[in-house]
Amino acid sequence: MAQEKPETQTGLDNRRHRRRSVLWPAKLTVGKHSVSCQIWNLSLGGARVRVDLPLKEGSEITLTVSDRGDIPAHVAWTHESSLGVAFDVPEDHIRKMFSDRLHVLGLDEE
């Protein structure tokens, strides 16, 4: 019997990580172009971002969070001016970036 492929983690219904609502300014970079954006929610594996830039699923991006640094990522889904962003770095990298905020964000127990 053939094995079924595991579900991808790009859809809304199959998230691995708890998300927390935030409203943070950030910068999204695609190639040589950068635009301002807002992070609406955050998890150890990704974020929901509002940006006035049409991007395709799979686009490679960098999400820059003020005073935190750059997060290599890709677009997992799009809906109007919202993007689902999947981080292309290990969870430990995100934990370190937000180490002083993990408890406040409720992400310290994952």
PDB file of N, CA and C in Angstrom:
ATOM      1  N   MET A   1       0.838  -1.165   0.000  1.00  0.00           N
ATOM      2  CA  MET A   1       0.000   0.000   0.000  1.00  0.00           C
ATOM      3  C   MET A   1       0.893   1.241   0.000  1.00  0.00           C
ATOM      4  N   ALA A   2       0.588   2.191  -0.860  1.00  0.00           N
ATOM      5  CA  ALA A   2       1.386   3.411  -0.963  1.00  0.00           C
ATOM      6  C   ALA A   2       1.150   4.302   0.254  1.00  0.00           C
ATOM      7  N   GLN A   3       2.222   4.953   0.697  1.00  0.00           N
ATOM      8  CA  GLN A   3       2.102   5.872   1.816  1.00  0.00           C
ATOM      9  C   GLN A   3       1.573   7.205   1.335  1.00  0.00           C
ATOM     10  N   GLU A   4       0.722   7.805   2.153  1.00  0.00           N
ATOM     11  CA  GLU A   4       0.217   9.132   1.826  1.00  0.00           C
ATOM     12  C   GLU A   4       1.253  10.175   2.210  1.00  0.00           C
ATOM     13  N   LYS A   5       1.313  11.228   1.413  1.00  0.00           N
ATOM     14  CA  LYS A   5       2.230  12.323   1.726  1.00  0.00           C
ATOM     15  C   LYS A   5       1.666  13.114   2.897  1.00  0.00           C
ATOM     16  N   PRO A   6       2.527  13.558   3.817  1.00  0.00           N
ATOM     17  CA  PRO A   6       2.032  14.385   4.917  1.00  0.00           C
ATOM     18  C   PRO A   6       1.516  15.711   4.390  1.00  0.00           C
ATOM     19  N   GLU A   7       0.557  16.273   5.115  1.00  0.00           N
ATOM     20  CA  GLU A   7       0.001  17.567   4.747  1.00  0.00           C
ATOM     21  C   GLU A   7       1.093  18.621   4.765  1.00  0.00           C
ATOM     22  N   THR A   8       1.045  19.544   3.837  1.00  0.00           N
ATOM     23  CA  THR A   8       1.973  20.668   3.877  1.00  0.00           C
ATOM     24  C   THR A   8       1.554  21.601   4.995  1.00  0.00           C
ATOM     25  N   GLN A   9       2.439  22.444   5.413  1.00  0.00           N
ATOM     26  CA  GLN A   9       2.157  23.350   6.518  1.00  0.00           C
ATOM     27  C   GLN A   9       1.911  24.760   6.026  1.00  0.00           C
ATOM     28  N   THR A  10       1.414  24.892   4.834  1.00  0.00           N
ATOM     29  CA  THR A  10       1.220  26.229   4.299  1.00  0.00           C
ATOM     30  C   THR A  10      -0.212  26.699   4.422  1.00  0.00           C
ATOM     31  N   GLY A  11      -1.161  25.816   4.661  1.00  0.00           N
ATOM     32  CA  GLY A  11      -2.555  26.209   4.712  1.00  0.00           C
ATOM     33  C   GLY A  11      -2.964  26.710   6.082  1.00  0.00           C
ATOM     34  N   LEU A  12      -4.136  27.344   6.126  1.00  0.00           N
ATOM     35  CA  LEU A  12      -4.630  27.893   7.375  1.00  0.00           C
ATOM     36  C   LEU A  12      -5.036  26.799   8.355  1.00  0.00           C
ATOM     37  N   ASP A  13      -5.452  25.648   7.868  1.00  0.00           N
ATOM     38  CA  ASP A  13      -6.005  24.623   8.739  1.00  0.00           C
ATOM     39  C   ASP A  13      -4.982  23.648   9.290  1.00  0.00           C
ATOM     40  N   ASN A  14      -3.742  23.763   8.915  1.00  0.00           N
ATOM     41  CA  ASN A  14      -2.767  22.776   9.367  1.00  0.00           C
ATOM     42  C   ASN A  14      -1.522  23.429   9.960  1.00  0.00           C
ATOM     43  N   ARG A  15      -1.744  24.436  10.783  1.00  0.00           N
ATOM     44  CA  ARG A  15      -0.625  25.113  11.444  1.00  0.00           C
ATOM     45  C   ARG A  15      -0.042  24.236  12.531  1.00  0.00           C
ATOM     46  N   ARG A  16       1.264  24.284  12.659  1.00  0.00           N
ATOM     47  CA  ARG A  16       1.955  23.544  13.714  1.00  0.00           C
ATOM     48  C   ARG A  16       2.130  24.373  14.963  1.00  0.00           C
ATOM     49  N   HIS A  17       2.110  25.700  14.819  1.00  0.00           N
ATOM     50  CA  HIS A  17       2.470  26.585  15.918  1.00  0.00           C
ATOM     51  C   HIS A  17       1.310  27.470  16.333  1.00  0.00           C
ATOM     52  N   ARG A  18       1.286  27.778  17.610  1.00  0.00           N
ATOM     53  CA  ARG A  18       0.322  28.732  18.143  1.00  0.00           C
ATOM     54  C   ARG A  18       0.702  30.117  17.640  1.00  0.00           C
ATOM     55  N   ARG A  19      -0.289  30.879  17.207  1.00  0.00           N
ATOM     56  CA  ARG A  19      -0.057  32.244  16.743  1.00  0.00           C
ATOM     57  C   ARG A  19      -0.594  33.222  17.766  1.00  0.00           C
ATOM     58  N   ARG A  20       0.095  34.373  17.862  1.00  0.00           N
ATOM     59  CA  ARG A  20      -0.327  35.441  18.762  1.00  0.00           C
ATOM     60  C   ARG A  20      -0.518  36.716  17.958  1.00  0.00           C
ATOM     61  N   SER A  21      -1.608  37.401  18.260  1.00  0.00           N
ATOM     62  CA  SER A  21      -1.885  38.674  17.592  1.00  0.00           C
ATOM     63  C   SER A  21      -0.878  39.726  18.029  1.00  0.00           C
ATOM     64  N   VAL A  22      -0.372  40.447  17.065  1.00  0.00           N
ATOM     65  CA  VAL A  22       0.519  41.578  17.291  1.00  0.00           C
ATOM     66  C   VAL A  22       0.156  42.635  16.258  1.00  0.00           C
ATOM     67  N   LEU A  23       0.659  43.797  16.395  1.00  0.00           N
ATOM     68  CA  LEU A  23       0.528  44.833  15.375  1.00  0.00           C
ATOM     69  C   LEU A  23       1.849  45.576  15.353  1.00  0.00           C
ATOM     70  N   TRP A  24       2.790  45.018  14.573  1.00  0.00           N
ATOM     71  CA  TRP A  24       4.159  45.532  14.529  1.00  0.00           C
ATOM     72  C   TRP A  24       4.498  46.032  13.137  1.00  0.00           C
ATOM     73  N   PRO A  25       5.152  47.181  13.056  1.00  0.00           N
ATOM     74  CA  PRO A  25       5.664  47.617  11.755  1.00  0.00           C
ATOM     75  C   PRO A  25       6.857  46.747  11.375  1.00  0.00           C
ATOM     76  N   ALA A  26       6.992  46.523  10.092  1.00  0.00           N
ATOM     77  CA  ALA A  26       8.114  45.725   9.596  1.00  0.00           C
ATOM     78  C   ALA A  26       8.410  46.140   8.165  1.00  0.00           C
ATOM     79  N   LYS A  27       9.392  45.470   7.588  1.00  0.00           N
ATOM     80  CA  LYS A  27       9.763  45.711   6.191  1.00  0.00           C
ATOM     81  C   LYS A  27       9.818  44.360   5.499  1.00  0.00           C
ATOM     82  N   LEU A  28       9.279  44.309   4.300  1.00  0.00           N
ATOM     83  CA  LEU A  28       9.299  43.102   3.501  1.00  0.00           C
ATOM     84  C   LEU A  28      10.153  43.370   2.273  1.00  0.00           C
ATOM     85  N   THR A  29      11.127  42.508   2.028  1.00  0.00           N
ATOM     86  CA  THR A  29      12.025  42.679   0.898  1.00  0.00           C
ATOM     87  C   THR A  29      11.868  41.514  -0.053  1.00  0.00           C
ATOM     88  N   VAL A  30      11.693  41.849  -1.326  1.00  0.00           N
ATOM     89  CA  VAL A  30      11.628  40.865  -2.406  1.00  0.00           C
ATOM     90  C   VAL A  30      12.670  41.283  -3.423  1.00  0.00           C
ATOM     91  N   GLY A  31      13.697  40.461  -3.579  1.00  0.00           N
ATOM     92  CA  GLY A  31      14.782  40.844  -4.479  1.00  0.00           C
ATOM     93  C   GLY A  31      15.426  42.129  -4.003  1.00  0.00           C
ATOM     94  N   LYS A  32      15.430  43.154  -4.863  1.00  0.00           N
ATOM     95  CA  LYS A  32      16.028  44.444  -4.508  1.00  0.00           C
ATOM     96  C   LYS A  32      14.996  45.461  -4.031  1.00  0.00           C
ATOM     97  N   HIS A  33      13.746  45.042  -3.918  1.00  0.00           N
ATOM     98  CA  HIS A  33      12.662  45.956  -3.568  1.00  0.00           C
ATOM     99  C   HIS A  33      12.206  45.729  -2.135  1.00  0.00           C
ATOM    100  N   SER A  34      12.038  46.822  -1.393  1.00  0.00           N
ATOM    101  CA  SER A  34      11.569  46.764  -0.016  1.00  0.00           C
ATOM    102  C   SER A  34      10.343  47.645   0.149  1.00  0.00           C
ATOM    103  N   VAL A  35       9.375  47.164   0.941  1.00  0.00           N
ATOM    104  CA  VAL A  35       8.167  47.926   1.233  1.00  0.00           C
ATOM    105  C   VAL A  35       7.845  47.782   2.715  1.00  0.00           C
ATOM    106  N   SER A  36       7.188  48.789   3.238  1.00  0.00           N
ATOM    107  CA  SER A  36       6.712  48.721   4.614  1.00  0.00           C
ATOM    108  C   SER A  36       5.530  47.769   4.692  1.00  0.00           C
ATOM    109  N   CYS A  37       5.388  47.127   5.844  1.00  0.00           N
ATOM    110  CA  CYS A  37       4.271  46.220   6.061  1.00  0.00           C
ATOM    111  C   CYS A  37       3.941  46.205   7.542  1.00  0.00           C
ATOM    112  N   GLN A  38       2.885  45.481   7.896  1.00  0.00           N
ATOM    113  CA  GLN A  38       2.503  45.287   9.283  1.00  0.00           C
ATOM    114  C   GLN A  38       2.395  43.800   9.561  1.00  0.00           C
ATOM    115  N   ILE A  39       2.942  43.378  10.688  1.00  0.00           N
ATOM    116  CA  ILE A  39       2.773  41.992  11.116  1.00  0.00           C
ATOM    117  C   ILE A  39       1.525  41.953  11.985  1.00  0.00           C
ATOM    118  N   TRP A  40       0.554  41.108  11.601  1.00  0.00           N
ATOM    119  CA  TRP A  40      -0.708  41.001  12.328  1.00  0.00           C
ATOM    120  C   TRP A  40      -0.700  39.860  13.328  1.00  0.00           C
ATOM    121  N   ASN A  41       0.024  38.797  13.021  1.00  0.00           N
ATOM    122  CA  ASN A  41       0.198  37.751  14.019  1.00  0.00           C
ATOM    123  C   ASN A  41       1.507  37.049  13.765  1.00  0.00           C
ATOM    124  N   LEU A  42       1.978  36.344  14.790  1.00  0.00           N
ATOM    125  CA  LEU A  42       3.313  35.774  14.753  1.00  0.00           C
ATOM    126  C   LEU A  42       3.309  34.423  15.446  1.00  0.00           C
ATOM    127  N   SER A  43       4.071  33.502  14.904  1.00  0.00           N
ATOM    128  CA  SER A  43       4.321  32.220  15.561  1.00  0.00           C
ATOM    129  C   SER A  43       5.796  31.898  15.365  1.00  0.00           C
ATOM    130  N   LEU A  44       6.220  30.776  15.898  1.00  0.00           N
ATOM    131  CA  LEU A  44       7.608  30.359  15.700  1.00  0.00           C
ATOM    132  C   LEU A  44       7.865  29.912  14.266  1.00  0.00           C
ATOM    133  N   GLY A  45       6.814  29.639  13.514  1.00  0.00           N
ATOM    134  CA  GLY A  45       6.972  29.149  12.150  1.00  0.00           C
ATOM    135  C   GLY A  45       6.597  30.125  11.057  1.00  0.00           C
ATOM    136  N   GLY A  46       5.961  31.247  11.436  1.00  0.00           N
ATOM    137  CA  GLY A  46       5.544  32.169  10.398  1.00  0.00           C
ATOM    138  C   GLY A  46       4.777  33.359  10.943  1.00  0.00           C
ATOM    139  N   ALA A  47       4.163  34.102  10.029  1.00  0.00           N
ATOM    140  CA  ALA A  47       3.441  35.307  10.413  1.00  0.00           C
ATOM    141  C   ALA A  47       2.381  35.628   9.371  1.00  0.00           C
ATOM    142  N   ARG A  48       1.403  36.403   9.800  1.00  0.00           N
ATOM    143  CA  ARG A  48       0.446  36.990   8.863  1.00  0.00           C
ATOM    144  C   ARG A  48       0.847  38.444   8.714  1.00  0.00           C
ATOM    145  N   VAL A  49       1.017  38.865   7.475  1.00  0.00           N
ATOM    146  CA  VAL A  49       1.535  40.196   7.179  1.00  0.00           C
ATOM    147  C   VAL A  49       0.561  40.919   6.260  1.00  0.00           C
ATOM    148  N   ARG A  50       0.341  42.190   6.532  1.00  0.00           N
ATOM    149  CA  ARG A  50      -0.457  43.031   5.640  1.00  0.00           C
ATOM    150  C   ARG A  50       0.513  43.894   4.857  1.00  0.00           C
ATOM    151  N   VAL A  51       0.384  43.842   3.526  1.00  0.00           N
ATOM    152  CA  VAL A  51       1.279  44.599   2.659  1.00  0.00           C
ATOM    153  C   VAL A  51       0.551  44.945   1.366  1.00  0.00           C
ATOM    154  N   ASP A  52       0.802  46.137   0.862  1.00  0.00           N
ATOM    155  CA  ASP A  52       0.193  46.573  -0.390  1.00  0.00           C
ATOM    156  C   ASP A  52       1.109  46.247  -1.555  1.00  0.00           C
ATOM    157  N   LEU A  53       1.360  44.966  -1.742  1.00  0.00           N
ATOM    158  CA  LEU A  53       2.213  44.496  -2.818  1.00  0.00           C
ATOM    159  C   LEU A  53       1.739  43.102  -3.211  1.00  0.00           C
ATOM    160  N   PRO A  54       1.309  42.939  -4.459  1.00  0.00           N
ATOM    161  CA  PRO A  54       0.848  41.606  -4.860  1.00  0.00           C
ATOM    162  C   PRO A  54       2.034  40.654  -5.028  1.00  0.00           C
ATOM    163  N   LEU A  55       2.003  39.577  -4.297  1.00  0.00           N
ATOM    164  CA  LEU A  55       3.058  38.567  -4.385  1.00  0.00           C
ATOM    165  C   LEU A  55       2.435  37.207  -4.646  1.00  0.00           C
ATOM    166  N   LYS A  56       3.190  36.355  -5.286  1.00  0.00           N
ATOM    167  CA  LYS A  56       2.731  35.001  -5.576  1.00  0.00           C
ATOM    168  C   LYS A  56       3.149  34.049  -4.473  1.00  0.00           C
ATOM    169  N   GLU A  57       2.350  33.018  -4.273  1.00  0.00           N
ATOM    170  CA  GLU A  57       2.735  31.964  -3.348  1.00  0.00           C
ATOM    171  C   GLU A  57       4.084  31.402  -3.779  1.00  0.00           C
ATOM    172  N   GLY A  58       4.933  31.152  -2.819  1.00  0.00           N
ATOM    173  CA  GLY A  58       6.258  30.619  -3.103  1.00  0.00           C
ATOM    174  C   GLY A  58       7.333  31.674  -3.266  1.00  0.00           C
ATOM    175  N   SER A  59       6.949  32.953  -3.369  1.00  0.00           N
ATOM    176  CA  SER A  59       7.943  34.020  -3.519  1.00  0.00           C
ATOM    177  C   SER A  59       8.872  34.041  -2.313  1.00  0.00           C
ATOM    178  N   GLU A  60      10.167  34.137  -2.582  1.00  0.00           N
ATOM    179  CA  GLU A  60      11.151  34.239  -1.507  1.00  0.00           C
ATOM    180  C   GLU A  60      11.237  35.680  -1.052  1.00  0.00           C
ATOM    181  N   ILE A  61      11.167  35.877   0.268  1.00  0.00           N
ATOM    182  CA  ILE A  61      11.170  37.218   0.836  1.00  0.00           C
ATOM    183  C   ILE A  61      12.079  37.261   2.058  1.00  0.00           C
ATOM    184  N   THR A  62      12.311  38.462   2.536  1.00  0.00           N
ATOM    185  CA  THR A  62      12.948  38.673   3.833  1.00  0.00           C
ATOM    186  C   THR A  62      12.031  39.596   4.618  1.00  0.00           C
ATOM    187  N   LEU A  63      11.674  39.171   5.815  1.00  0.00           N
ATOM    188  CA  LEU A  63      10.858  39.983   6.707  1.00  0.00           C
ATOM    189  C   LEU A  63      11.793  40.596   7.741  1.00  0.00           C
ATOM    190  N   THR A  64      11.837  41.925   7.789  1.00  0.00           N
ATOM    191  CA  THR A  64      12.706  42.617   8.722  1.00  0.00           C
ATOM    192  C   THR A  64      11.856  43.231   9.821  1.00  0.00           C
ATOM    193  N   VAL A  65      12.119  42.807  11.047  1.00  0.00           N
ATOM    194  CA  VAL A  65      11.401  43.306  12.211  1.00  0.00           C
ATOM    195  C   VAL A  65      12.314  44.292  12.932  1.00  0.00           C
ATOM    196  N   SER A  66      11.807  45.498  13.161  1.00  0.00           N
ATOM    197  CA  SER A  66      12.601  46.547  13.807  1.00  0.00           C
ATOM    198  C   SER A  66      13.238  46.048  15.092  1.00  0.00           C
ATOM    199  N   ASP A  67      14.505  46.352  15.265  1.00  0.00           N
ATOM    200  CA  ASP A  67      15.283  45.996  16.448  1.00  0.00           C
ATOM    201  C   ASP A  67      15.411  44.496  16.684  1.00  0.00           C
ATOM    202  N   ARG A  68      15.050  43.678  15.696  1.00  0.00           N
ATOM    203  CA  ARG A  68      15.145  42.219  15.840  1.00  0.00           C
ATOM    204  C   ARG A  68      16.012  41.594  14.757  1.00  0.00           C
ATOM    205  N   GLY A  69      15.864  42.089  13.546  1.00  0.00           N
ATOM    206  CA  GLY A  69      16.666  41.557  12.455  1.00  0.00           C
ATOM    207  C   GLY A  69      15.841  40.997  11.315  1.00  0.00           C
ATOM    208  N   ASP A  70      16.533  40.311  10.431  1.00  0.00           N
ATOM    209  CA  ASP A  70      15.948  39.766   9.205  1.00  0.00           C
ATOM    210  C   ASP A  70      15.563  38.303   9.384  1.00  0.00           C
ATOM    211  N   ILE A  71      14.429  37.945   8.788  1.00  0.00           N
ATOM    212  CA  ILE A  71      13.972  36.560   8.801  1.00  0.00           C
ATOM    213  C   ILE A  71      13.758  36.120   7.351  1.00  0.00           C
ATOM    214  N   PRO A  72      14.588  35.218   6.838  1.00  0.00           N
ATOM    215  CA  PRO A  72      14.337  34.666   5.504  1.00  0.00           C
ATOM    216  C   PRO A  72      13.032  33.861   5.548  1.00  0.00           C
ATOM    217  N   ALA A  73      12.221  34.033   4.513  1.00  0.00           N
ATOM    218  CA  ALA A  73      10.907  33.390   4.508  1.00  0.00           C
ATOM    219  C   ALA A  73      10.406  33.232   3.078  1.00  0.00           C
ATOM    220  N   HIS A  74       9.223  32.657   2.951  1.00  0.00           N
ATOM    221  CA  HIS A  74       8.555  32.585   1.659  1.00  0.00           C
ATOM    222  C   HIS A  74       7.054  32.774   1.869  1.00  0.00           C
ATOM    223  N   VAL A  75       6.371  33.181   0.807  1.00  0.00           N
ATOM    224  CA  VAL A  75       4.932  33.406   0.869  1.00  0.00           C
ATOM    225  C   VAL A  75       4.232  32.050   0.792  1.00  0.00           C
ATOM    226  N   ALA A  76       3.473  31.729   1.837  1.00  0.00           N
ATOM    227  CA  ALA A  76       2.759  30.455   1.891  1.00  0.00           C
ATOM    228  C   ALA A  76       1.355  30.570   1.305  1.00  0.00           C
ATOM    229  N   TRP A  77       0.719  31.728   1.487  1.00  0.00           N
ATOM    230  CA  TRP A  77      -0.613  31.971   0.934  1.00  0.00           C
ATOM    231  C   TRP A  77      -0.836  33.475   0.809  1.00  0.00           C
ATOM    232  N   THR A  78      -1.799  33.840  -0.010  1.00  0.00           N
ATOM    233  CA  THR A  78      -2.161  35.245  -0.181  1.00  0.00           C
ATOM    234  C   THR A  78      -3.676  35.366  -0.157  1.00  0.00           C
ATOM    235  N   HIS A  79      -4.143  36.491   0.351  1.00  0.00           N
ATOM    236  CA  HIS A  79      -5.576  36.812   0.332  1.00  0.00           C
ATOM    237  C   HIS A  79      -5.701  38.326   0.421  1.00  0.00           C
ATOM    238  N   GLU A  80      -6.120  38.934  -0.682  1.00  0.00           N
ATOM    239  CA  GLU A  80      -6.223  40.382  -0.795  1.00  0.00           C
ATOM    240  C   GLU A  80      -4.892  41.021  -0.391  1.00  0.00           C
ATOM    241  N   SER A  81      -4.861  41.835   0.659  1.00  0.00           N
ATOM    242  CA  SER A  81      -3.595  42.488   1.026  1.00  0.00           C
ATOM    243  C   SER A  81      -2.893  41.774   2.183  1.00  0.00           C
ATOM    244  N   SER A  82      -3.286  40.528   2.455  1.00  0.00           N
ATOM    245  CA  SER A  82      -2.647  39.737   3.507  1.00  0.00           C
ATOM    246  C   SER A  82      -1.827  38.611   2.909  1.00  0.00           C
ATOM    247  N   LEU A  83      -0.716  38.322   3.572  1.00  0.00           N
ATOM    248  CA  LEU A  83       0.154  37.217   3.177  1.00  0.00           C
ATOM    249  C   LEU A  83       0.369  36.311   4.376  1.00  0.00           C
ATOM    250  N   GLY A  84       0.392  35.034   4.122  1.00  0.00           N
ATOM    251  CA  GLY A  84       0.884  34.090   5.108  1.00  0.00           C
ATOM    252  C   GLY A  84       2.345  33.862   4.796  1.00  0.00           C
ATOM    253  N   VAL A  85       3.197  34.117   5.759  1.00  0.00           N
ATOM    254  CA  VAL A  85       4.637  34.019   5.573  1.00  0.00           C
ATOM    255  C   VAL A  85       5.153  32.835   6.378  1.00  0.00           C
ATOM    256  N   ALA A  86       5.838  31.921   5.724  1.00  0.00           N
ATOM    257  CA  ALA A  86       6.461  30.780   6.401  1.00  0.00           C
ATOM    258  C   ALA A  86       7.946  31.060   6.531  1.00  0.00           C
ATOM    259  N   PHE A  87       8.446  30.997   7.764  1.00  0.00           N
ATOM    260  CA  PHE A  87       9.856  31.271   8.000  1.00  0.00           C
ATOM    261  C   PHE A  87      10.725  30.137   7.486  1.00  0.00           C
ATOM    262  N   ASP A  88      11.853  30.496   6.892  1.00  0.00           N
ATOM    263  CA  ASP A  88      12.804  29.517   6.344  1.00  0.00           C
ATOM    264  C   ASP A  88      14.007  29.329   7.263  1.00  0.00           C
ATOM    265  N   VAL A  89      13.792  29.527   8.547  1.00  0.00           N
ATOM    266  CA  VAL A  89      14.839  29.332   9.556  1.00  0.00           C
ATOM    267  C   VAL A  89      14.261  28.441  10.648  1.00  0.00           C
ATOM    268  N   PRO A  90      15.122  27.769  11.391  1.00  0.00           N
ATOM    269  CA  PRO A  90      14.635  26.904  12.470  1.00  0.00           C
ATOM    270  C   PRO A  90      13.921  27.700  13.572  1.00  0.00           C
ATOM    271  N   GLU A  91      13.029  27.025  14.284  1.00  0.00           N
ATOM    272  CA  GLU A  91      12.292  27.647  15.376  1.00  0.00           C
ATOM    273  C   GLU A  91      13.235  28.283  16.398  1.00  0.00           C
ATOM    274  N   ASP A  92      14.372  27.657  16.660  1.00  0.00           N
ATOM    275  CA  ASP A  92      15.316  28.198  17.640  1.00  0.00           C
ATOM    276  C   ASP A  92      15.808  29.583  17.247  1.00  0.00           C
ATOM    277  N   HIS A  93      15.949  29.826  15.958  1.00  0.00           N
ATOM    278  CA  HIS A  93      16.363  31.153  15.481  1.00  0.00           C
ATOM    279  C   HIS A  93      15.312  32.201  15.873  1.00  0.00           C
ATOM    280  N   ILE A  94      14.045  31.876  15.689  1.00  0.00           N
ATOM    281  CA  ILE A  94      12.957  32.795  16.039  1.00  0.00           C
ATOM    282  C   ILE A  94      12.891  32.967  17.552  1.00  0.00           C
ATOM    283  N   ARG A  95      13.055  31.873  18.281  1.00  0.00           N
ATOM    284  CA  ARG A  95      13.074  31.965  19.750  1.00  0.00           C
ATOM    285  C   ARG A  95      14.158  32.936  20.225  1.00  0.00           C
ATOM    286  N   LYS A  96      15.337  32.869  19.631  1.00  0.00           N
ATOM    287  CA  LYS A  96      16.430  33.766  20.026  1.00  0.00           C
ATOM    288  C   LYS A  96      16.113  35.219  19.678  1.00  0.00           C
ATOM    289  N   MET A  97      15.529  35.435  18.496  1.00  0.00           N
ATOM    290  CA  MET A  97      15.205  36.804  18.068  1.00  0.00           C
ATOM    291  C   MET A  97      14.229  37.479  19.035  1.00  0.00           C
ATOM    292  N   PHE A  98      13.285  36.695  19.549  1.00  0.00           N
ATOM    293  CA  PHE A  98      12.234  37.239  20.399  1.00  0.00           C
ATOM    294  C   PHE A  98      12.334  36.723  21.831  1.00  0.00           C
ATOM    295  N   SER A  99      13.533  36.358  22.264  1.00  0.00           N
ATOM    296  CA  SER A  99      13.712  35.715  23.567  1.00  0.00           C
ATOM    297  C   SER A  99      13.147  36.537  24.725  1.00  0.00           C
ATOM    298  N   ASP A 100      13.241  37.857  24.649  1.00  0.00           N
ATOM    299  CA  ASP A 100      12.725  38.697  25.723  1.00  0.00           C
ATOM    300  C   ASP A 100      11.218  38.901  25.645  1.00  0.00           C
ATOM    301  N   ARG A 101      10.574  38.406  24.586  1.00  0.00           N
ATOM    302  CA  ARG A 101       9.130  38.590  24.390  1.00  0.00           C
ATOM    303  C   ARG A 101       8.363  37.266  24.353  1.00  0.00           C
ATOM    304  N   LEU A 102       9.047  36.137  24.429  1.00  0.00           N
ATOM    305  CA  LEU A 102       8.375  34.839  24.296  1.00  0.00           C
ATOM    306  C   LEU A 102       7.261  34.659  25.319  1.00  0.00           C
ATOM    307  N   HIS A 103       7.514  35.022  26.558  1.00  0.00           N
ATOM    308  CA  HIS A 103       6.495  34.861  27.593  1.00  0.00           C
ATOM    309  C   HIS A 103       5.288  35.753  27.319  1.00  0.00           C
ATOM    310  N   VAL A 104       5.547  36.997  26.971  1.00  0.00           N
ATOM    311  CA  VAL A 104       4.463  37.940  26.658  1.00  0.00           C
ATOM    312  C   VAL A 104       3.654  37.455  25.470  1.00  0.00           C
ATOM    313  N   LEU A 105       4.333  36.897  24.479  1.00  0.00           N
ATOM    314  CA  LEU A 105       3.662  36.408  23.277  1.00  0.00           C
ATOM    315  C   LEU A 105       2.997  35.041  23.495  1.00  0.00           C
ATOM    316  N   GLY A 106       3.306  34.401  24.613  1.00  0.00           N
ATOM    317  CA  GLY A 106       2.744  33.084  24.875  1.00  0.00           C
ATOM    318  C   GLY A 106       3.374  32.007  24.028  1.00  0.00           C
ATOM    319  N   LEU A 107       4.587  32.244  23.556  1.00  0.00           N
ATOM    320  CA  LEU A 107       5.266  31.288  22.676  1.00  0.00           C
ATOM    321  C   LEU A 107       6.369  30.520  23.398  1.00  0.00           C
ATOM    322  N   ASP A 108       6.470  30.703  24.700  1.00  0.00           N
ATOM    323  CA  ASP A 108       7.547  30.052  25.455  1.00  0.00           C
ATOM    324  C   ASP A 108       7.240  28.610  25.817  1.00  0.00           C
ATOM    325  N   GLU A 109       6.011  28.164  25.614  1.00  0.00           N
ATOM    326  CA  GLU A 109       5.636  26.809  26.001  1.00  0.00           C
ATOM    327  C   GLU A 109       5.570  25.850  24.828  1.00  0.00           C
ATOM    328  N   GLU A 110       5.927  26.281  23.643  1.00  0.00           N
ATOM    329  CA  GLU A 110       5.851  25.406  22.471  1.00  0.00           C
ATOM    330  C   GLU A 110       7.074  24.526  22.400  1.00  0.00           C
TER     331      GLU A 110
END
